[in-house]
Protein backbone atom coordinates (compact mmCIF):
# COMPACT_ATOMS: atom_id res chain seq x y z
CA UNK A 1 -0.05 0.01 -0.03
CA UNK A 2 1.17 3.52 -0.86
CA UNK A 3 -0.36 6.82 0.14
CA UNK A 4 0.54 10.32 -0.02
CA UNK A 5 -0.98 13.58 1.13
CA UNK A 6 -0.78 17.35 1.71
CA UNK A 7 -2.30 19.31 4.54
CA UNK A 8 -2.38 23.01 5.32
CA UNK A 9 -2.12 23.81 9.09
CA UNK A 10 -3.20 27.05 10.79
CA UNK A 11 -0.26 26.82 13.16
CA UNK A 12 3.47 27.60 12.81
CA UNK A 13 5.93 25.21 11.51
CA UNK A 14 7.55 25.04 15.03
CA UNK A 15 4.20 24.43 16.71
CA UNK A 16 3.41 21.57 14.29
CA UNK A 17 6.91 20.17 14.70
CA UNK A 18 6.58 20.03 18.48
CA UNK A 19 3.10 18.44 18.28
CA UNK A 20 4.27 15.75 15.83
CA UNK A 21 6.98 14.88 18.35
CA UNK A 22 4.86 14.87 21.47
CA UNK A 23 3.60 11.21 22.39
CA UNK A 24 0.56 12.42 24.28
CA UNK A 25 -0.58 14.58 21.28
CA UNK A 26 -0.23 11.68 18.87
CA UNK A 27 -1.89 9.30 21.25
CA UNK A 28 -4.94 11.65 21.37
CA UNK A 29 -5.04 12.18 17.49
CA UNK A 30 -4.29 8.75 16.18
CA UNK A 31 -7.79 7.02 15.87
CA UNK A 32 -7.93 3.85 18.23
CA UNK A 33 -4.62 4.64 19.89
CA UNK A 34 -4.39 4.00 23.57
CA UNK A 35 -0.61 3.84 24.03
CA UNK A 36 2.11 5.94 22.52
CA UNK A 37 5.11 5.76 24.72
CA UNK A 38 8.81 6.74 24.50
CA UNK A 39 10.93 3.79 25.06
CA UNK A 40 14.31 4.85 23.86
CA UNK A 41 16.14 7.33 21.72
CA UNK A 42 13.52 8.25 19.12
CA UNK A 43 11.78 4.82 19.85
CA UNK A 44 8.26 4.55 20.72
CA UNK A 45 5.86 1.69 21.77
CA UNK A 46 2.37 1.81 20.22
CA UNK A 47 -0.95 0.08 20.77
CA UNK A 48 -4.10 0.86 18.84
CA UNK A 49 -7.24 -0.77 17.76
CA UNK A 50 -7.88 -1.17 14.02
CA UNK A 51 -10.98 -2.09 12.09
CA UNK A 52 -10.87 -2.72 8.40
CA UNK A 53 -14.23 -3.94 7.11
CA UNK A 54 -15.14 -7.09 9.04
CA UNK A 55 -11.78 -7.36 10.67
CA UNK A 56 -11.06 -5.89 14.00
CA UNK A 57 -7.84 -6.33 15.92
CA UNK A 58 -5.64 -4.66 18.50
CA UNK A 59 -2.05 -4.00 17.14
CA UNK A 60 0.96 -3.70 19.41
CA UNK A 61 4.04 -2.47 17.77
CA UNK A 62 6.85 0.05 17.76
CA UNK A 63 7.72 3.18 15.88
CA UNK A 64 11.33 4.63 15.26
CA UNK A 65 12.26 8.08 14.02
CA UNK A 66 15.24 8.70 11.70
CA UNK A 67 16.63 11.36 9.29
CA UNK A 68 15.45 13.98 11.85
CA UNK A 69 15.95 17.52 10.58
CA UNK A 70 14.13 19.86 13.10
CA UNK A 71 11.86 21.52 12.41
CA UNK A 72 11.60 20.39 8.66
CA UNK A 73 10.60 16.71 8.86
CA UNK A 74 11.67 13.25 9.76
CA UNK A 75 11.27 9.56 8.43
CA UNK A 76 9.59 7.05 10.58
CA UNK A 77 9.43 3.14 10.51
CA UNK A 78 6.76 1.07 12.02
CA UNK A 79 5.72 -2.51 12.67
CA UNK A 80 3.00 -4.05 14.44
CA UNK A 81 1.32 -7.40 15.20
CA UNK A 82 -2.45 -7.93 15.47
CA UNK A 83 -2.59 -11.68 16.31
CA UNK A 84 -4.73 -13.60 13.87
CA UNK A 85 -5.60 -10.35 12.12
CA UNK A 86 -2.21 -10.13 10.70
CA UNK A 87 0.63 -7.75 10.81
CA UNK A 88 1.65 -4.34 9.30
CA UNK A 89 5.07 -2.71 8.69
CA UNK A 90 6.23 0.05 6.65
CA UNK A 91 7.68 3.57 6.57
CA UNK A 92 6.54 7.16 6.32
CA UNK A 93 8.12 10.58 5.69
CA UNK A 94 6.90 13.85 7.10
CA UNK A 95 7.86 17.23 5.76
CA UNK A 96 6.88 20.66 7.20
CA UNK A 97 7.49 24.00 5.67
CA UNK A 98 6.13 27.52 6.52
CA UNK A 99 3.50 29.40 4.56
CA UNK A 100 4.13 32.80 6.06
CA UNK A 101 4.93 34.18 2.61
CA UNK A 102 1.96 32.56 0.72
CA UNK A 103 -0.37 35.47 1.14
CA UNK A 104 0.41 36.78 -2.38
CA UNK A 105 -2.12 38.30 -4.65
CA UNK A 106 -4.29 35.77 -6.48
CA UNK A 107 -3.93 35.28 -10.24
CA UNK A 108 -6.38 37.53 -12.34
CA UNK A 109 -9.58 35.83 -13.24
CA UNK A 110 -9.56 33.26 -10.51
CA UNK A 111 -12.39 35.02 -8.74
CA UNK A 112 -13.19 34.54 -4.85
CA UNK A 113 -12.04 31.02 -4.87
CA UNK A 114 -8.32 32.25 -5.07
CA UNK A 115 -8.16 33.91 -1.68
CA UNK A 116 -4.74 34.34 -0.27
CA UNK A 117 -3.42 31.53 1.82
CA UNK A 118 -3.55 31.89 5.62
CA UNK A 119 -0.33 32.11 7.58
CA UNK A 120 0.58 28.73 8.92
CA UNK A 121 2.61 25.66 7.61
CA UNK A 122 2.17 23.04 5.12
CA UNK A 123 2.75 19.20 5.87
CA UNK A 124 3.49 16.57 3.12
CA UNK A 125 3.55 12.90 4.03
CA UNK A 126 4.09 9.74 2.28
CA UNK A 127 3.25 6.20 3.54
CA UNK A 128 4.56 2.71 2.28
CA UNK A 129 3.15 -0.23 4.03
CA UNK A 130 2.81 -3.89 3.78
CA UNK A 131 0.06 -6.09 5.46
CA UNK A 132 -0.40 -9.76 6.04
CA UNK A 133 -2.75 -12.10 7.42
CA UNK A 134 -6.58 -11.66 7.26
CA UNK A 135 -6.24 -8.00 6.72
CA UNK A 136 -4.36 -8.71 3.46
CA UNK A 137 -7.18 -10.99 2.26
CA UNK A 138 -9.70 -8.19 2.43
CA UNK A 139 -8.52 -6.53 -0.95
CA UNK A 140 -6.59 -3.50 -1.74
CA UNK A 141 -9.48 -1.15 -2.22
CA UNK A 142 -10.82 -1.76 1.26
CA UNK A 143 -7.28 -1.36 2.73
CA UNK A 144 -6.69 1.85 0.88
CA UNK A 145 -10.16 3.18 1.93
CA UNK A 146 -9.46 2.34 5.48
CA UNK A 147 -5.96 3.92 5.36
CA UNK A 148 -7.32 7.28 3.84
CA UNK A 149 -10.08 7.35 6.36
CA UNK A 150 -7.68 6.97 9.24
CA UNK A 151 -5.55 9.78 7.77
CA UNK A 152 -8.58 12.20 7.49
CA UNK A 153 -9.68 11.26 11.05
CA UNK A 154 -6.11 11.97 12.36
CA UNK A 155 -5.85 15.22 10.70
CA UNK A 156 -9.40 16.37 11.98
CA UNK A 157 -8.34 15.48 15.54
CA UNK A 158 -4.88 17.11 15.11
CA UNK A 159 -6.37 20.45 13.88
CA UNK A 160 -8.94 20.50 16.56
CA UNK A 161 -6.27 19.87 19.11
CA UNK A 162 -4.11 22.56 17.76
CA UNK A 163 -7.01 24.98 17.79
CA UNK A 164 -7.85 24.25 21.41
CA UNK A 165 -4.08 24.66 22.27
CA UNK A 166 -3.14 27.85 20.19
CA UNK A 167 -6.50 29.23 19.09
CA UNK A 168 -8.08 29.52 15.61
CA UNK A 169 -5.76 30.22 12.63
CA UNK A 170 -4.75 33.89 12.20
CA UNK A 171 -7.03 34.26 9.12
CA UNK A 172 -10.06 32.98 10.96
CA UNK A 173 -9.26 35.20 14.09
CA UNK A 174 -9.12 38.19 11.94
CA UNK A 175 -12.30 37.54 10.19
CA UNK A 176 -14.06 37.12 13.73
CA UNK A 177 -12.44 40.24 14.90
CA UNK A 178 -13.45 42.38 11.78
CA UNK A 179 -17.15 41.04 11.78
CA UNK A 180 -18.46 43.39 14.46
CA UNK A 181 -16.75 46.40 13.17
CA UNK A 182 -18.19 45.88 9.75
CA UNK A 183 -21.69 45.25 11.24
CA UNK A 184 -21.42 48.50 13.20
CA UNK A 185 -20.38 50.35 9.94
CA UNK A 186 -23.33 49.03 8.09
CA UNK A 187 -25.77 49.87 11.03
CA UNK A 188 -24.29 53.43 11.24
CA UNK A 189 -24.72 53.82 7.42
CA UNK A 190 -28.46 52.75 7.71
CA UNK A 191 -29.15 55.06 10.68
CA UNK A 192 -27.81 58.06 8.71
CA UNK A 193 -29.84 57.00 5.63
CA UNK A 194 -33.11 57.19 7.47
CA UNK A 195 -32.22 60.37 9.28
CA UNK A 196 -31.46 59.11 12.78
CA UNK A 197 -27.69 59.86 12.31
CA UNK A 198 -28.43 63.46 11.30
CA UNK A 199 -30.82 63.92 14.29
CA UNK A 200 -28.19 62.57 16.70
CA UNK A 201 -25.51 65.15 15.25
CA UNK A 202 -28.05 67.99 15.57
CA UNK A 203 -28.67 66.98 19.23
CA UNK A 204 -25.00 66.67 19.89
CA UNK A 205 -24.29 70.20 18.55
CA UNK A 206 -27.13 71.68 20.40
CA UNK A 207 -26.07 70.04 23.75
CA UNK A 208 -23.86 73.09 24.77
CA UNK A 209 -26.36 75.66 24.30
CA UNK A 210 -28.80 73.64 26.37
CA UNK A 211 -26.05 73.31 28.99
CA UNK A 212 -25.57 77.08 29.20
């Protein structure tokens, strides 16, 4: 099985790097994972429940990191045993790069869909894996579908965890901050249009005379 993907994250490269090297964060975000523990120098012990089609199993295995270039990426190798369900082993590479300079003007003619990219970072990953036992008998399409679903679930959890830790992405935060001001501007214009704004101005200018 081979899989590759790309994700844009609303956090900095350093924040993403720290999270991807934190066993507790990975344990929270990997679907079905109930153990992700450091056992040695860049070595981890992992346990997770896996369900692919009609086959369910609990895998116990290990993960090792190598080719570590902080905060740009690393390579990891993994292997796990799921009893009669079979085994899995393989490798993955993870690459991070900042997106701070990505907010360039969109090409002409692309319309509203070509909004500038928010500040943050981009994550590229590849996975090559081999499976055996009952899982291997399920067929490549089912295995690939389960792998993609697991990856999607992981990133949903990861992004939710990062937002709870660091807040919403900068672009989202700016939109929330600007919304009340924009609404106030619209209301002010509406009030002036129907004459209320002018009446308030007259009352304000007359106030000193009344006070005297």
